[in-house]
Protein backbone atom coordinates (compact mmCIF):
# COMPACT_ATOMS: atom_id res chain seq x y z
CA MET A 1 -37.41 -2.27 1.77
CA THR A 2 -39.70 -2.58 5.39
CA LEU A 3 -40.33 -6.12 6.57
CA SER A 4 -43.74 -5.98 4.82
CA GLY A 5 -42.08 -5.94 1.37
CA ARG A 6 -42.83 -1.84 0.94
CA ARG A 7 -40.37 -0.03 -0.36
CA THR A 8 -38.73 3.04 2.04
CA SER A 9 -38.02 6.62 1.02
CA VAL A 10 -34.33 6.72 2.02
CA PRO A 11 -32.27 10.13 2.09
CA VAL A 12 -29.32 10.08 -0.58
CA VAL A 13 -27.03 12.49 -0.18
CA GLU A 14 -23.28 13.24 -2.36
CA GLY A 15 -20.31 13.96 -0.94
CA THR A 16 -16.79 12.04 -0.18
CA VAL A 17 -16.65 9.35 2.12
CA MET A 18 -13.04 9.11 4.07
CA PHE A 19 -11.68 6.28 6.11
CA THR A 20 -8.60 6.64 8.76
CA ASP A 21 -7.24 3.18 9.79
CA ILE A 22 -4.33 3.02 12.59
CA VAL A 23 -1.62 0.55 11.34
CA GLY A 24 -0.39 -1.88 13.01
CA PHE A 25 -3.16 -1.24 16.18
CA THR A 26 -3.44 -4.89 17.27
CA GLU A 27 0.55 -5.55 17.17
CA PHE A 28 0.65 -2.25 19.53
CA THR A 29 -2.24 -3.00 21.79
CA ALA A 30 -0.63 -6.45 22.62
CA LEU A 31 2.80 -4.88 23.51
CA ARG A 32 1.64 -1.70 25.08
CA GLY A 33 -1.14 -2.63 26.73
CA ASP A 34 -4.92 -1.36 26.54
CA ALA A 35 -4.44 1.83 28.13
CA ASP A 36 -1.99 3.13 25.64
CA ALA A 37 -3.89 2.00 22.74
CA LEU A 38 -6.87 4.05 24.05
CA ALA A 39 -4.56 7.00 24.69
CA LEU A 40 -3.79 6.50 20.59
CA LEU A 41 -7.39 6.23 19.74
CA SER A 42 -7.94 9.42 21.80
CA THR A 43 -4.94 11.71 20.01
CA GLN A 44 -6.51 10.38 16.60
CA GLU A 45 -9.99 11.65 17.36
CA ARG A 46 -8.74 14.84 18.95
CA LEU A 47 -6.69 15.47 15.85
CA VAL A 48 -9.24 14.86 13.28
CA LEU A 49 -11.72 16.86 15.09
CA GLN A 50 -9.45 19.73 15.52
CA GLU A 51 -8.57 19.65 11.51
CA LEU A 52 -12.43 18.77 10.41
CA GLY A 53 -13.74 21.99 11.99
CA SER A 54 -17.08 22.68 9.96
CA LYS A 55 -15.76 20.76 6.62
CA GLY A 56 -16.57 17.48 7.53
CA ARG A 57 -18.05 15.64 10.36
CA ILE A 58 -17.09 12.17 12.11
CA VAL A 59 -20.05 9.81 11.46
CA LYS A 60 -18.70 6.87 13.32
CA GLU A 61 -15.74 5.24 15.20
CA LEU A 62 -14.67 1.72 13.80
CA GLY A 63 -12.30 0.14 16.17
CA ASP A 64 -9.12 1.62 15.45
CA GLY A 65 -10.26 3.86 12.57
CA LEU A 66 -13.06 6.66 11.73
CA MET A 67 -15.55 7.36 8.99
CA LEU A 68 -15.95 10.86 7.90
CA TRP A 69 -17.73 12.40 5.87
CA PHE A 70 -17.52 15.70 3.43
CA GLU A 71 -19.73 17.57 1.17
CA ASP A 72 -17.05 19.16 -0.72
CA ALA A 73 -13.91 16.73 -2.00
CA CYS A 74 -11.92 19.32 -2.03
CA ASP A 75 -12.19 19.63 2.00
CA ALA A 76 -11.61 15.71 1.98
CA VAL A 77 -8.72 15.51 0.02
CA THR A 78 -6.94 18.42 2.15
CA THR A 79 -8.16 17.84 5.40
CA GLY A 80 -6.80 14.16 4.39
CA ILE A 81 -3.21 15.61 3.60
CA ALA A 82 -3.38 18.00 6.45
CA LEU A 83 -4.06 15.12 9.00
CA GLN A 84 -1.33 13.09 7.69
CA GLU A 85 1.10 15.85 8.65
CA GLN A 86 -0.51 16.44 11.83
CA PHE A 87 0.04 12.58 12.84
CA ASP A 88 3.30 12.93 11.56
CA ALA A 89 4.33 15.91 13.95
CA GLN A 90 2.38 13.60 16.87
CA SER A 91 4.30 10.81 16.43
CA ALA A 92 7.41 12.61 16.02
CA ALA A 93 7.21 14.59 19.37
CA SER A 94 5.52 11.43 21.56
CA ASP A 95 6.37 7.94 22.26
CA LEU A 96 2.53 6.69 20.75
CA PRO A 97 3.56 6.25 16.85
CA LEU A 98 0.24 7.41 14.92
CA TRP A 99 0.65 5.76 11.70
CA VAL A 100 -2.46 5.76 9.91
CA ARG A 101 -3.64 5.37 6.29
CA ILE A 102 -6.58 7.68 4.70
CA GLY A 103 -8.89 6.64 2.12
CA ALA A 104 -11.24 8.13 0.35
CA HIS A 105 -14.07 7.90 -2.32
CA ALA A 106 -16.84 10.70 -3.69
CA GLY A 107 -20.38 9.33 -4.57
CA ARG A 108 -23.51 9.04 -3.57
CA GLN A 109 -24.28 7.65 -0.09
CA MET A 110 -27.49 6.36 1.79
CA ARG A 111 -28.46 8.04 4.67
CA ARG A 112 -29.70 5.68 7.85
CA GLY A 113 -29.94 7.16 10.75
CA ASP A 114 -26.56 9.36 11.28
CA ASP A 115 -24.74 6.70 9.39
CA LEU A 116 -24.24 6.60 5.56
CA VAL A 117 -24.41 3.10 3.97
CA GLY A 118 -24.07 2.16 -0.06
CA HIS A 119 -21.85 1.33 -2.47
CA ASP A 120 -19.93 4.58 -2.87
CA VAL A 121 -19.17 3.44 1.23
CA ASN A 122 -17.71 -0.05 0.56
CA VAL A 123 -15.66 1.74 -2.43
CA ALA A 124 -14.32 4.13 0.08
CA ALA A 125 -13.54 1.29 2.74
CA ARG A 126 -11.87 -0.94 0.42
CA ILE A 127 -9.30 2.02 -0.77
CA VAL A 128 -7.97 2.73 2.69
CA GLN A 129 -7.12 -1.23 2.96
CA LEU A 130 -4.95 -0.03 0.04
CA ALA A 131 -3.33 3.06 1.15
CA GLY A 132 0.41 2.44 2.99
CA PRO A 133 1.07 4.53 6.39
CA GLY A 134 1.22 8.19 6.00
CA GLU A 135 -0.82 8.15 2.51
CA VAL A 136 -3.87 9.44 1.29
CA VAL A 137 -5.34 7.25 -1.26
CA VAL A 138 -8.04 8.76 -3.19
CA SER A 139 -10.85 7.45 -5.92
CA GLU A 140 -10.69 8.87 -9.50
CA ALA A 141 -13.92 9.91 -9.03
CA THR A 142 -12.42 12.15 -6.03
CA VAL A 143 -10.09 13.55 -8.15
CA GLU A 144 -12.87 14.60 -11.04
CA ARG A 145 -14.88 16.39 -8.17
CA VAL A 146 -11.80 18.12 -7.45
CA GLY A 147 -10.88 19.26 -11.02
CA SER A 148 -8.59 22.53 -10.75
CA ARG A 149 -9.86 23.90 -7.46
CA LEU A 150 -6.64 22.51 -5.50
CA PRO A 151 -3.45 23.98 -6.90
CA GLY A 152 -1.45 23.11 -3.87
CA VAL A 153 -2.24 19.02 -4.49
CA ALA A 154 -0.94 16.55 -6.69
CA PHE A 155 -2.46 13.54 -7.54
CA ASP A 156 0.07 10.75 -8.38
CA GLN A 157 -1.73 7.96 -10.34
CA LEU A 158 -1.41 4.00 -8.55
CA GLY A 159 -3.37 2.70 -11.29
CA PRO A 160 -6.54 0.51 -11.11
CA ALA A 161 -7.15 -1.38 -8.33
CA VAL A 162 -9.61 -4.58 -7.94
CA MET A 163 -11.06 -4.78 -4.78
CA LYS A 164 -13.33 -7.53 -3.13
CA GLY A 165 -16.80 -7.18 -3.60
CA ILE A 166 -16.33 -3.94 -6.06
CA PRO A 167 -17.89 -5.15 -9.78
CA GLY A 168 -14.99 -3.46 -11.65
CA PRO A 169 -11.27 -2.01 -11.22
CA VAL A 170 -11.20 1.39 -9.61
CA VAL A 171 -8.33 3.63 -10.50
CA LEU A 172 -6.61 5.18 -7.52
CA TYR A 173 -4.46 7.95 -6.89
CA ARG A 174 -2.23 9.44 -4.14
CA ALA A 175 -2.94 12.74 -3.04
CA LEU A 176 0.02 14.73 -1.90
CA PRO A 177 0.78 18.65 -1.28
CA ALA A 178 2.48 20.26 -3.96
CA PRO A 179 4.85 22.86 -2.33
CA GLY A 180 5.87 25.65 -4.59
CA ARG A 181 2.89 25.06 -7.18
CA ASP A 182 1.58 28.40 -8.54
CA SER A 183 -1.62 29.14 -7.01
CA GLY A 184 -3.23 29.52 -10.35
CA ALA A 185 -2.37 25.99 -11.62
CA ALA A 186 -4.61 23.00 -11.92
CA PRO A 187 -3.72 19.96 -9.72
CA ALA A 188 -1.03 18.22 -10.86
CA VAL A 189 -2.09 14.71 -12.12
CA THR A 190 0.89 11.89 -13.07
CA GLY A 191 0.57 8.76 -14.59
CA ARG A 192 3.44 6.79 -12.84
CA PHE A 193 2.08 3.34 -11.97
CA ILE A 194 3.10 1.83 -8.59
CA GLU A 195 3.18 -1.99 -7.95
CA ARG A 196 1.44 -2.84 -4.60
């Protein structure tokens, strides 16, 4: 709505929103200083841009994290897993610990300039808060959109999560590489529940 009370047309897009969040960034900054903190942020952004290619885009920077958007849920999941591998390799090769959590949710987003807003964006933002360092946690909606298209990925069910400001529980999964799986097989989905 405008200030005069008239409704305006807002473009709606379908896709997957992903958030990254550097774990322990505030403490890292306090201990190592602003210069190292900026180097850590730059490293995260560089690795994300390298991995994204044309599969998605950075919507915006959020302090120590990024908001990404993908048209295809498969691209979101494979990028998330690849990013965690890149972050691990970078951490092992330098003295900058790039411990990142990733959360993603597929749905509808409202476009506001270059930004995306709406309920499904809020869900993705809550999911990343439940992921641990090195994890890619996705919603059931994301797993459903992937379907059987990612045979090299396993989805480990974490169970329903109640999240602040979200009306009902959201079933969450940890996305993991499934090495050695038959390329023609559907993604593995396990029903193991993990206490958080």
